[in-house]
Amino acid sequence: MKVSSLWILLLALSSLSFATENPSESLDSYISDSKKQQFDYTYEKNEAESSKLRDSWIAPFSLKYSFIKNQQDDEVSGASEWDQESASITWNQTIFQSGGIYYGIKYATASGKYANYSVDVAKRKLVKDAITILMQIKQTDLRAKRQELQIKNSEIALEQKKEQYLNGQLDSSFLDNAIIERNLVIQALYDIETSKERLVTKFEAISDKDYRQAAIPSLQNIEKDEFLTHNLVLKMDESEALKNSYYNDVTITKYLPKVSLSAGYSWQGETKMLGAIDRAENTSYNYGLVATIPLDINTLDDIYSSRAEYLKSKVAISDKKRELSALYDQVMQNIENLEKKKQLSLENKDIYKKLLDETNELFKAGYKTDYDVELLRNSYEMATIDFKIYEIDKQLELLTLYEMYKKD
């Protein structure tokens, strides 16, 4: 029995199409290039936004230039004209902000990491959607094959009922039920085919792969510690807490003393044209330090608000860990039940195989009909398909974990 079951298991697995490459590195290949490019541009934007925020403490130079041409006609003094030019450079740079500059840089870096993790999570969800749909398409193909076998069995049952009815062994109600049963299984096949077309449309909208040739990934079990350690959602929450921590520090320093360096240079020139050209110029510059202490009635409320947001995000981490731990346990329980179903399908195959062999012998001896042989052969093949469907169900359960699992 064990040898037979092992042989059946290997045969069933060999007929399934799985991707053999490292799934944690290859899952992204299931979404289209255009989708990946959009995510890449989002990463680039996040990097630029983080860099801009990180350098926002550096004050810009203000450059100004003006040119004004004046012309005047006077009956007494006659016509006159003159030009006015001016230029200035000013700079007001904060050089001390009670730690605000340091925390601002840290906040910008943490914001960039959080933004990237957010994109990672969104990208991984799209990847999961693509693979889920592909797996469902494969399952739909298997269910269609199984339904075709079911139709064959219903047609055999109908033929048997016809013969029994014509021989007076059954009344017409049994024949009617057999006809209804045949129609129902045929309609079910039409529903399966319709469902497949919908799935194909969804898959082609997010993937460049040909669903007919694409292999589904072979996902392996993950230990709980490994799942939590390399969990994208958890890392995103942790990065959000760190970001909020630095933002809380930035908020506090916003209301503490700061010192700024100010400097400026200005130039002004005027050219008059009254027979001879008369030109005058004037330049000036200034520099100094400015110390400020902001006094705001909303200071405490602002600080308490940012502090509460930080504490909330810290609590959310432990809550998310518990949620993910429960999710992992549920997935493992579902997989355990699927393994039982797979084992049951193997046992059914063993039973049908023995019955099929025995019925073949009885058919050759004239004790069984070809209907009996075909019914058992179809049931044997349906048990084989059941095993494959359960295996894909297992992969779908593991995909729930791989959606959030990614090593750096």
Protein backbone atom coordinates (compact mmCIF):
# COMPACT_ATOMS: atom_id res chain seq x y z
CA MET A 1 0.00 0.00 0.00
CA LYS A 2 2.79 2.46 0.92
CA VAL A 3 4.75 1.72 -2.26
CA SER A 4 1.63 2.13 -4.37
CA SER A 5 0.73 5.43 -2.72
CA LEU A 6 4.26 6.76 -3.18
CA TRP A 7 4.22 5.83 -6.85
CA ILE A 8 0.86 7.56 -7.33
CA LEU A 9 2.12 10.66 -5.48
CA LEU A 10 5.18 10.95 -7.72
CA LEU A 11 3.05 10.44 -10.82
CA ALA A 12 0.57 13.13 -9.79
CA LEU A 13 3.27 15.65 -8.91
CA SER A 14 5.14 15.08 -12.16
CA SER A 15 2.05 16.10 -14.14
CA LEU A 16 1.82 19.46 -12.38
CA SER A 17 3.70 22.40 -13.89
CA PHE A 18 5.72 24.26 -11.24
CA ALA A 19 8.43 26.90 -11.59
CA THR A 20 11.67 25.53 -10.15
CA GLU A 21 13.59 28.76 -9.57
CA ASN A 22 13.88 30.43 -6.16
CA PRO A 23 10.32 31.71 -5.58
CA SER A 24 11.33 34.56 -3.29
CA GLU A 25 13.38 36.06 -6.15
CA SER A 26 11.22 35.15 -9.14
CA LEU A 27 7.70 36.06 -8.06
CA ASP A 28 8.04 39.57 -9.48
CA SER A 29 8.32 38.06 -12.96
CA TYR A 30 4.59 37.32 -12.96
CA ILE A 31 3.62 40.97 -13.37
CA SER A 32 4.04 42.83 -16.65
CA ASP A 33 7.08 44.94 -17.51
CA SER A 34 4.94 48.08 -17.64
CA LYS A 35 3.70 47.41 -14.10
CA LYS A 36 7.27 46.89 -12.89
CA GLN A 37 8.38 50.10 -14.58
CA GLN A 38 5.65 52.02 -12.78
CA PHE A 39 6.89 50.66 -9.46
CA ASP A 40 10.50 51.51 -10.41
CA TYR A 41 9.53 55.10 -11.13
CA THR A 42 7.73 55.25 -7.79
CA TYR A 43 10.92 54.10 -6.07
CA GLU A 44 12.84 56.83 -7.90
CA LYS A 45 10.28 59.41 -6.85
CA ASN A 46 10.53 58.25 -3.23
CA GLU A 47 14.31 58.62 -3.35
CA ALA A 48 14.03 62.14 -4.77
CA GLU A 49 11.39 63.16 -2.21
CA SER A 50 13.48 61.77 0.64
CA SER A 51 16.58 63.60 -0.60
CA LYS A 52 14.61 66.82 -0.97
CA LEU A 53 13.25 66.49 2.56
CA ARG A 54 16.68 65.61 3.94
CA ASP A 55 18.23 68.77 2.49
CA SER A 56 15.31 71.05 3.23
CA TRP A 57 17.16 72.60 6.22
CA ILE A 58 19.66 74.19 3.81
CA ALA A 59 18.33 77.65 3.00
CA PRO A 60 18.43 78.86 -0.60
CA PHE A 61 20.20 82.01 -1.77
CA SER A 62 17.80 84.69 -2.92
CA LEU A 63 19.04 86.47 -6.06
CA LYS A 64 17.28 89.55 -7.40
CA TYR A 65 18.01 91.88 -10.33
CA SER A 66 15.93 94.72 -11.76
CA PHE A 67 16.33 97.18 -14.61
CA ILE A 68 14.05 100.22 -15.00
CA LYS A 69 14.20 102.69 -17.87
CA ASN A 70 12.67 106.11 -17.18
CA GLN A 71 11.81 108.81 -19.70
CA GLN A 72 10.25 112.22 -18.98
CA ASP A 73 9.13 115.11 -21.17
CA ASP A 74 8.95 118.48 -19.38
CA GLU A 75 8.06 121.83 -21.06
CA VAL A 76 10.49 123.67 -18.81
CA SER A 77 13.51 121.42 -18.57
CA GLY A 78 12.92 119.54 -21.79
CA ALA A 79 13.23 115.82 -22.36
CA SER A 80 15.25 113.67 -19.98
CA GLU A 81 15.84 109.96 -19.42
CA TRP A 82 17.66 107.81 -16.96
CA ASP A 83 18.19 104.11 -16.23
CA GLN A 84 18.02 102.40 -12.83
CA GLU A 85 19.60 99.01 -12.08
CA SER A 86 19.70 97.08 -8.84
CA ALA A 87 20.85 93.64 -7.73
CA SER A 88 20.90 91.84 -4.41
CA ILE A 89 21.89 88.53 -2.81
CA THR A 90 20.41 87.49 0.53
CA TRP A 91 20.81 84.35 2.62
CA ASN A 92 19.23 83.35 5.91
CA GLN A 93 20.52 79.99 7.12
CA THR A 94 19.61 78.23 10.36
CA ILE A 95 22.82 76.87 11.90
CA PHE A 96 21.43 75.66 15.24
CA GLN A 97 17.93 74.42 16.06
CA SER A 98 18.27 72.48 19.31
CA GLY A 99 18.75 69.20 17.43
CA GLY A 100 16.05 69.93 14.89
CA ILE A 101 18.42 69.72 11.93
CA TYR A 102 19.70 66.30 13.01
CA TYR A 103 16.23 64.89 13.65
CA GLY A 104 14.97 66.41 10.41
CA ILE A 105 17.61 64.51 8.44
CA LYS A 106 16.76 61.30 10.32
CA TYR A 107 13.06 61.85 9.68
CA ALA A 108 13.67 62.32 5.95
CA THR A 109 15.65 59.07 5.75
CA ALA A 110 13.02 57.16 7.72
CA SER A 111 10.27 58.63 5.53
CA GLY A 112 12.05 57.37 2.43
CA LYS A 113 12.32 53.85 3.86
CA TYR A 114 8.67 53.85 4.86
CA ALA A 115 7.63 55.01 1.39
CA ASN A 116 9.68 52.24 -0.22
CA TYR A 117 8.19 49.59 2.06
CA SER A 118 4.74 50.89 1.12
CA VAL A 119 5.59 50.37 -2.53
CA ASP A 120 7.00 46.91 -1.74
CA VAL A 121 3.72 45.92 -0.11
CA ALA A 122 1.64 47.26 -3.01
CA LYS A 123 3.88 45.56 -5.55
CA ARG A 124 3.79 42.26 -3.68
CA LYS A 125 0.00 42.40 -3.54
CA LEU A 126 -0.16 42.80 -7.31
CA VAL A 127 2.27 39.90 -7.71
CA LYS A 128 0.06 37.77 -5.45
CA ASP A 129 -3.00 38.72 -7.51
CA ALA A 130 -1.28 37.64 -10.73
CA ILE A 131 -0.10 34.30 -9.32
CA THR A 132 -3.43 33.64 -7.61
CA ILE A 133 -5.27 34.14 -10.89
CA LEU A 134 -2.79 31.91 -12.73
CA MET A 135 -3.24 29.16 -10.13
CA GLN A 136 -7.01 29.52 -10.38
CA ILE A 137 -6.76 29.15 -14.16
CA LYS A 138 -4.77 25.94 -13.71
CA GLN A 139 -7.36 24.71 -11.22
CA THR A 140 -10.15 25.63 -13.63
CA ASP A 141 -8.51 23.51 -16.34
CA LEU A 142 -8.32 20.61 -13.90
CA ARG A 143 -11.92 21.08 -12.81
CA ALA A 144 -13.00 21.17 -16.46
CA LYS A 145 -11.24 17.83 -17.08
CA ARG A 146 -12.84 16.41 -13.96
CA GLN A 147 -16.24 17.68 -15.05
CA GLU A 148 -15.82 16.07 -18.46
CA LEU A 149 -15.21 12.78 -16.70
CA GLN A 150 -18.25 13.44 -14.55
CA ILE A 151 -20.28 14.03 -17.71
CA LYS A 152 -19.07 10.70 -19.12
CA ASN A 153 -20.17 8.95 -15.95
CA SER A 154 -23.56 10.67 -16.04
CA GLU A 155 -24.00 9.60 -19.67
CA ILE A 156 -23.10 6.02 -18.73
CA ALA A 157 -25.58 6.18 -15.86
CA LEU A 158 -28.20 7.51 -18.28
CA GLU A 159 -27.57 4.65 -20.70
CA GLN A 160 -27.84 2.15 -17.86
CA LYS A 161 -31.13 3.70 -16.71
CA LYS A 162 -32.44 3.57 -20.28
CA GLU A 163 -31.69 -0.14 -20.54
CA GLN A 164 -33.25 -0.81 -17.14
CA TYR A 165 -36.31 1.25 -18.04
CA LEU A 166 -36.76 -0.51 -21.38
CA ASN A 167 -36.38 -3.85 -19.63
CA GLY A 168 -39.09 -2.86 -17.16
CA GLN A 169 -36.72 -2.80 -14.19
CA LEU A 170 -37.24 0.94 -13.42
CA ASP A 171 -40.04 3.44 -13.83
CA SER A 172 -39.68 6.67 -15.83
CA SER A 173 -38.90 8.85 -12.78
CA PHE A 174 -35.46 7.26 -12.44
CA LEU A 175 -34.82 7.92 -16.12
CA ASP A 176 -35.93 11.54 -15.69
CA ASN A 177 -33.56 12.01 -12.77
CA ALA A 178 -30.69 10.61 -14.81
CA ILE A 179 -31.44 13.07 -17.63
CA ILE A 180 -31.62 15.96 -15.18
CA GLU A 181 -28.33 14.90 -13.58
CA ARG A 182 -26.63 14.78 -16.99
CA ASN A 183 -27.91 18.26 -17.87
CA LEU A 184 -26.71 19.67 -14.55
CA VAL A 185 -23.14 18.40 -14.93
CA ILE A 186 -23.00 19.73 -18.51
CA GLN A 187 -24.21 23.14 -17.35
CA ALA A 188 -21.59 23.06 -14.61
CA LEU A 189 -18.92 22.58 -17.29
CA TYR A 190 -20.20 25.66 -19.13
CA ASP A 191 -19.96 27.64 -15.89
CA ILE A 192 -16.36 26.47 -15.40
CA GLU A 193 -15.43 27.54 -18.93
CA THR A 194 -17.04 30.96 -18.39
CA SER A 195 -15.15 31.37 -15.13
CA LYS A 196 -11.89 30.54 -16.89
CA GLU A 197 -12.41 33.21 -19.53
CA ARG A 198 -12.93 35.82 -16.83
CA LEU A 199 -9.77 34.72 -15.05
CA VAL A 200 -7.76 34.83 -18.29
CA THR A 201 -8.91 38.40 -18.92
CA LYS A 202 -7.83 39.46 -15.43
CA PHE A 203 -4.46 37.71 -15.75
CA GLU A 204 -3.62 39.24 -19.11
CA ALA A 205 -4.33 42.71 -17.68
CA ILE A 206 -1.46 42.43 -15.18
CA SER A 207 0.99 39.93 -16.67
CA ASP A 208 2.98 39.49 -19.89
CA LYS A 209 3.15 35.71 -19.48
CA ASP A 210 1.16 33.32 -21.62
CA TYR A 211 -1.09 31.55 -19.13
CA ARG A 212 -0.98 28.42 -21.28
CA GLN A 213 2.81 28.17 -20.93
CA ALA A 214 3.39 29.83 -17.54
CA ALA A 215 4.31 27.52 -14.68
CA ILE A 216 3.04 28.24 -11.20
CA PRO A 217 5.75 28.74 -8.55
CA SER A 218 6.68 25.92 -6.21
CA LEU A 219 6.38 27.51 -2.77
CA GLN A 220 7.83 25.84 0.29
CA ASN A 221 6.74 26.02 3.91
CA ILE A 222 8.15 28.91 5.94
CA GLU A 223 8.95 28.76 9.64
CA LYS A 224 6.98 31.24 11.73
CA ASP A 225 10.10 33.07 12.99
CA GLU A 226 11.34 33.38 9.42
CA PHE A 227 7.95 34.66 8.28
CA LEU A 228 7.84 37.35 10.97
CA THR A 229 11.51 38.33 10.58
CA HIS A 230 11.27 38.99 6.84
CA ASN A 231 7.70 40.29 6.76
CA LEU A 232 7.19 43.33 4.54
CA VAL A 233 4.03 44.50 6.29
CA LEU A 234 5.72 44.32 9.69
CA LYS A 235 8.78 46.14 8.40
CA MET A 236 6.55 48.85 6.96
CA ASP A 237 4.86 49.30 10.36
CA GLU A 238 8.24 49.38 12.11
CA SER A 239 9.56 51.98 9.68
CA GLU A 240 6.42 54.04 10.23
CA ALA A 241 7.00 53.96 14.00
CA LEU A 242 10.61 55.08 13.50
CA LYS A 243 9.46 57.84 11.16
CA ASN A 244 6.89 59.02 13.70
CA SER A 245 9.52 58.95 16.44
CA TYR A 246 11.77 61.33 14.52
CA TYR A 247 8.79 63.49 13.58
CA ASN A 248 7.95 63.79 17.27
CA ASP A 249 11.51 64.99 17.91
CA VAL A 250 11.25 67.45 15.02
CA THR A 251 7.99 68.78 16.43
CA ILE A 252 9.54 69.39 19.84
CA THR A 253 12.62 71.16 18.46
CA LYS A 254 10.36 73.37 16.36
CA TYR A 255 9.46 75.24 19.56
CA LEU A 256 12.99 75.43 21.00
CA PRO A 257 15.60 78.20 20.45
CA LYS A 258 17.31 78.41 17.10
CA VAL A 259 20.14 80.49 15.72
CA SER A 260 20.36 81.65 12.12
CA LEU A 261 23.12 83.27 10.10
CA SER A 262 21.96 86.08 7.84
CA ALA A 263 23.97 87.82 5.12
CA GLY A 264 23.17 90.11 2.26
CA TYR A 265 24.74 92.16 -0.49
CA SER A 266 23.02 94.80 -2.61
CA TRP A 267 24.08 97.04 -5.49
CA GLN A 268 22.25 99.95 -7.12
CA GLY A 269 23.21 102.04 -10.09
CA GLU A 270 21.60 104.97 -11.87
CA THR A 271 22.58 106.48 -15.23
CA LYS A 272 21.25 109.91 -16.24
CA MET A 273 21.44 111.28 -19.75
CA LEU A 274 21.35 115.11 -19.62
CA GLY A 275 23.63 116.18 -22.42
CA ALA A 276 26.50 114.34 -20.73
CA ILE A 277 26.17 110.92 -19.13
CA ASP A 278 26.06 111.01 -15.35
CA ARG A 279 26.36 107.66 -13.53
CA ALA A 280 26.12 106.94 -9.80
CA GLU A 281 26.51 103.61 -8.00
CA ASN A 282 25.83 102.45 -4.46
CA THR A 283 26.72 99.14 -2.77
CA SER A 284 26.02 97.73 0.67
CA TYR A 285 26.32 94.47 2.54
CA ASN A 286 25.28 93.07 5.91
CA TYR A 287 25.74 89.97 8.02
CA GLY A 288 24.87 88.81 11.48
CA LEU A 289 23.32 86.22 13.77
CA VAL A 290 19.65 85.99 14.69
CA ALA A 291 18.40 84.06 17.72
CA THR A 292 14.69 83.25 17.99
CA ILE A 293 12.45 81.48 20.47
CA PRO A 294 8.96 80.80 19.09
CA LEU A 295 6.04 81.24 21.49
CA ASP A 296 2.88 79.52 20.27
CA ILE A 297 -0.32 78.83 22.16
CA ASN A 298 -0.65 75.49 20.30
CA THR A 299 2.83 74.23 21.25
CA LEU A 300 1.75 71.60 23.76
CA ASP A 301 -1.15 70.39 21.63
CA ASP A 302 1.15 69.98 18.65
CA ILE A 303 3.72 68.05 20.70
CA TYR A 304 1.08 65.85 22.35
CA SER A 305 -0.47 65.10 18.96
CA SER A 306 2.82 63.95 17.40
CA ARG A 307 3.66 61.99 20.55
CA ALA A 308 0.30 60.21 20.47
CA GLU A 309 0.80 59.31 16.80
CA TYR A 310 4.20 57.83 17.61
CA LEU A 311 2.88 55.78 20.55
CA LYS A 312 -0.02 54.58 18.43
CA SER A 313 2.34 53.33 15.72
CA LYS A 314 4.42 51.50 18.34
CA VAL A 315 1.35 49.72 19.70
CA ALA A 316 0.35 48.87 16.13
CA ILE A 317 3.57 46.87 15.70
CA SER A 318 2.81 44.44 18.52
CA ASP A 319 -0.79 44.22 17.34
CA LYS A 320 0.36 43.46 13.78
CA LYS A 321 2.75 40.75 15.05
CA ARG A 322 -0.12 39.05 16.84
CA GLU A 323 -2.31 39.36 13.74
CA LEU A 324 0.38 37.92 11.47
CA SER A 325 1.11 35.12 13.94
CA ALA A 326 -2.58 34.18 13.93
CA LEU A 327 -2.62 34.34 10.12
CA TYR A 328 0.38 32.01 9.96
CA ASP A 329 -1.28 29.52 12.31
CA GLN A 330 -4.46 29.61 10.24
CA VAL A 331 -2.56 28.98 7.01
CA MET A 332 -0.71 26.06 8.58
CA GLN A 333 -4.01 24.61 9.81
CA ASN A 334 -5.50 24.97 6.33
CA ILE A 335 -2.47 23.26 4.81
CA GLU A 336 -2.75 20.43 7.32
CA ASN A 337 -6.37 19.87 6.28
CA LEU A 338 -5.38 19.99 2.61
CA GLU A 339 -2.71 17.38 3.24
CA LYS A 340 -5.43 15.16 4.70
CA LYS A 341 -7.53 15.68 1.59
CA LYS A 342 -4.53 14.86 -0.60
CA GLN A 343 -3.94 11.69 1.37
CA LEU A 344 -7.61 10.77 1.05
CA SER A 345 -7.45 11.26 -2.71
CA LEU A 346 -4.42 8.95 -2.82
CA GLU A 347 -6.30 6.34 -0.84
CA ASN A 348 -9.26 6.70 -3.21
CA LYS A 349 -6.91 6.18 -6.14
CA ASP A 350 -5.61 3.01 -4.56
CA ILE A 351 -9.16 1.74 -4.08
CA TYR A 352 -10.24 2.64 -7.62
CA LYS A 353 -7.07 1.13 -9.06
CA LYS A 354 -7.72 -2.20 -7.39
CA LEU A 355 -11.40 -2.15 -8.33
CA LEU A 356 -10.51 -1.23 -11.90
CA ASP A 357 -8.02 -4.12 -12.17
CA GLU A 358 -10.52 -6.57 -10.71
CA THR A 359 -13.37 -5.27 -12.89
CA ASN A 360 -11.19 -5.60 -15.98
CA GLU A 361 -10.64 -9.24 -15.13
CA LEU A 362 -14.36 -9.78 -14.55
CA PHE A 363 -15.12 -7.97 -17.82
CA LYS A 364 -12.82 -10.32 -19.70
CA ALA A 365 -14.62 -13.24 -18.04
CA GLY A 366 -17.98 -11.79 -19.08
CA TYR A 367 -19.27 -10.91 -15.61
CA LYS A 368 -19.01 -7.12 -15.99
CA THR A 369 -19.89 -4.70 -18.77
CA ASP A 370 -17.69 -2.11 -20.45
CA TYR A 371 -19.83 0.49 -18.66
CA ASP A 372 -18.55 -0.80 -15.32
CA VAL A 373 -14.94 -0.59 -16.50
CA GLU A 374 -15.30 2.93 -17.87
CA LEU A 375 -17.08 4.20 -14.75
CA LEU A 376 -14.23 3.03 -12.54
CA ARG A 377 -11.57 4.33 -14.93
CA ASN A 378 -13.20 7.76 -14.90
CA SER A 379 -13.47 7.71 -11.10
CA TYR A 380 -9.79 6.76 -10.88
CA GLU A 381 -8.82 9.71 -13.09
CA MET A 382 -11.05 12.07 -11.10
CA ALA A 383 -9.24 11.08 -7.90
CA THR A 384 -5.95 11.90 -9.66
CA ILE A 385 -7.29 15.33 -10.60
CA ASP A 386 -8.52 15.89 -7.03
CA PHE A 387 -4.96 15.44 -5.78
CA LYS A 388 -3.68 18.07 -8.22
CA ILE A 389 -6.42 20.52 -7.25
CA TYR A 390 -5.60 20.13 -3.56
CA GLU A 391 -1.90 20.68 -4.29
CA ILE A 392 -2.69 24.00 -5.96
CA ASP A 393 -4.94 24.87 -3.00
CA LYS A 394 -1.89 24.32 -0.80
CA GLN A 395 0.17 26.63 -2.99
CA LEU A 396 -2.55 29.27 -2.73
CA GLU A 397 -2.39 29.05 1.06
CA LEU A 398 1.40 29.44 1.01
CA LEU A 399 1.04 32.37 -1.37
CA THR A 400 -0.84 34.18 1.41
CA LEU A 401 2.42 34.08 3.38
CA TYR A 402 4.73 34.80 0.43
CA GLU A 403 2.75 37.95 -0.34
CA MET A 404 4.33 39.47 2.78
CA TYR A 405 7.58 37.48 2.90
CA LYS A 406 10.69 38.78 1.21
CA LYS A 407 14.32 38.61 2.24
CA ASP A 408 16.42 41.74 1.73
